[in-house]
Amino acid sequence: MVRSKNTEQKIIDAATELFLEKGVDRTSVREIATKAGINLALMNYYFRSKENLFDAIFSMLVKKNTRPLVKILDSELPLEEKIVKYVETYIDILSENPLLVSFVMAIVHRSKDRITEMAS
């Protein structure tokens, strides 16, 4: 069976919308499949689990949104300008990508025991 980028993108789009609307934990794999217009078996073929789908979307968001920040860090700007530009860009990224904030909060919530353990 050949994977279709179109089907994969439909799943990602549906999951992204539902995760943003309902939260990751309150969204079922079945809801994602229904919204994407595919059956559950196809959903499982592409991502195997909601966790894998979450990881794929989060990874895409991070890659897409860290590039401008890395460019700033790699630039020849003086340190003060670099810091100001970095913070401004970071705020712009977060305001333009509410899903990124939601995903980070979901990760923190899911990992709170581990984070607490690391902090102590």
Protein backbone atom coordinates (compact mmCIF):
# COMPACT_ATOMS: atom_id res chain seq x y z
CA MET A 1 0.00 0.00 0.00
CA VAL A 2 1.46 3.36 -1.02
CA ARG A 3 1.08 6.19 1.45
CA SER A 4 -0.74 9.24 0.18
CA LYS A 5 0.53 12.64 1.32
CA ASN A 6 -2.99 13.92 0.73
CA THR A 7 -4.47 11.42 3.20
CA GLU A 8 -1.70 12.03 5.69
CA GLN A 9 -2.27 15.79 5.43
CA LYS A 10 -6.04 15.33 5.90
CA ILE A 11 -5.34 13.45 9.12
CA ILE A 12 -2.89 16.10 10.32
CA ASP A 13 -5.31 18.92 9.48
CA ALA A 14 -8.23 17.19 11.22
CA ALA A 15 -6.17 16.38 14.31
CA THR A 16 -4.73 19.88 14.48
CA GLU A 17 -8.20 21.42 14.39
CA LEU A 18 -9.60 19.01 16.99
CA PHE A 19 -6.57 19.29 19.28
CA LEU A 20 -6.89 23.06 19.22
CA GLU A 21 -10.65 22.98 19.72
CA LYS A 22 -10.96 20.21 22.34
CA GLY A 23 -7.48 19.54 23.62
CA VAL A 24 -5.33 16.51 22.93
CA ASP A 25 -6.61 14.35 25.77
CA ARG A 26 -10.28 14.99 24.96
CA THR A 27 -9.89 14.14 21.27
CA SER A 28 -10.33 10.53 20.21
CA VAL A 29 -8.66 8.79 17.29
CA ARG A 30 -12.12 7.95 15.98
CA GLU A 31 -13.07 11.66 15.94
CA ILE A 32 -9.90 12.48 14.01
CA ALA A 33 -10.60 9.74 11.45
CA THR A 34 -14.21 10.89 11.03
CA LYS A 35 -13.21 14.54 10.59
CA ALA A 36 -10.53 13.52 8.07
CA GLY A 37 -13.11 11.46 6.15
CA ILE A 38 -11.21 8.20 6.49
CA ASN A 39 -11.74 4.94 8.34
CA LEU A 40 -10.03 4.10 11.61
CA ALA A 41 -7.84 1.41 10.02
CA LEU A 42 -6.34 3.96 7.63
CA MET A 43 -5.75 6.36 10.51
CA ASN A 44 -3.88 3.60 12.35
CA TYR A 45 -1.93 2.71 9.20
CA TYR A 46 -0.51 6.22 8.98
CA PHE A 47 0.19 7.02 12.62
CA ARG A 48 -0.41 3.87 14.73
CA SER A 49 -1.58 5.97 17.72
CA LYS A 50 -2.79 9.38 18.77
CA GLU A 51 0.53 9.84 20.56
CA ASN A 52 2.47 9.30 17.31
CA LEU A 53 0.17 11.74 15.52
CA PHE A 54 0.63 14.29 18.31
CA ASP A 55 4.42 13.86 18.09
CA ALA A 56 4.38 14.29 14.29
CA ILE A 57 2.35 17.50 14.47
CA PHE A 58 4.42 18.89 17.33
CA SER A 59 7.64 18.08 15.49
CA MET A 60 6.38 19.88 12.37
CA LEU A 61 5.40 22.92 14.43
CA VAL A 62 8.73 23.04 16.22
CA LYS A 63 10.77 22.67 13.02
CA LYS A 64 8.73 25.32 11.22
CA ASN A 65 8.82 27.79 14.08
CA THR A 66 12.38 27.41 15.31
CA ARG A 67 14.03 28.23 11.98
CA PRO A 68 13.61 32.02 12.37
CA LEU A 69 14.94 31.82 15.93
CA VAL A 70 17.99 29.83 14.88
CA LYS A 71 18.66 32.36 12.10
CA ILE A 72 18.71 35.13 14.69
CA LEU A 73 21.05 33.21 16.97
CA ASP A 74 23.38 32.48 14.05
CA SER A 75 23.37 36.08 12.85
CA GLU A 76 26.20 38.56 13.27
CA LEU A 77 23.99 41.02 15.17
CA PRO A 78 25.32 42.52 18.39
CA LEU A 79 24.15 40.59 21.46
CA GLU A 80 21.62 43.20 22.63
CA GLU A 81 19.99 43.39 19.18
CA LYS A 82 20.00 39.61 18.96
CA ILE A 83 18.15 39.31 22.28
CA VAL A 84 15.56 41.94 21.35
CA LYS A 85 14.97 40.43 17.90
CA TYR A 86 14.79 36.91 19.37
CA VAL A 87 12.18 37.88 21.97
CA GLU A 88 10.10 39.82 19.42
CA THR A 89 10.19 36.92 16.97
CA TYR A 90 9.36 34.42 19.71
CA ILE A 91 6.31 36.45 20.78
CA ASP A 92 5.20 36.75 17.14
CA ILE A 93 5.53 32.99 16.66
CA LEU A 94 3.48 32.22 19.76
CA SER A 95 0.76 34.75 18.89
CA GLU A 96 0.51 33.40 15.32
CA ASN A 97 0.50 29.74 16.44
CA PRO A 98 -1.89 29.13 19.32
CA LEU A 99 -1.61 25.41 18.61
CA LEU A 100 2.06 25.50 19.52
CA VAL A 101 1.18 26.92 22.94
CA SER A 102 -1.55 24.28 23.36
CA PHE A 103 0.86 21.51 22.46
CA VAL A 104 3.51 22.75 24.87
CA MET A 105 0.90 22.96 27.64
CA ALA A 106 -0.28 19.42 26.81
CA ILE A 107 3.28 18.14 27.03
CA VAL A 108 3.83 19.91 30.34
CA HIS A 109 0.53 18.54 31.69
CA ARG A 110 1.33 15.00 30.57
CA SER A 111 4.83 15.22 32.01
CA LYS A 112 4.08 17.05 35.25
CA ASP A 113 5.18 14.14 37.45
CA ARG A 114 8.44 13.86 35.55
CA ILE A 115 8.99 17.63 35.64
CA THR A 116 8.30 17.71 39.39
CA GLU A 117 10.74 14.86 39.88
CA MET A 118 13.40 16.65 37.83
CA ALA A 119 12.89 19.88 39.78
CA SER A 120 13.36 18.26 43.18
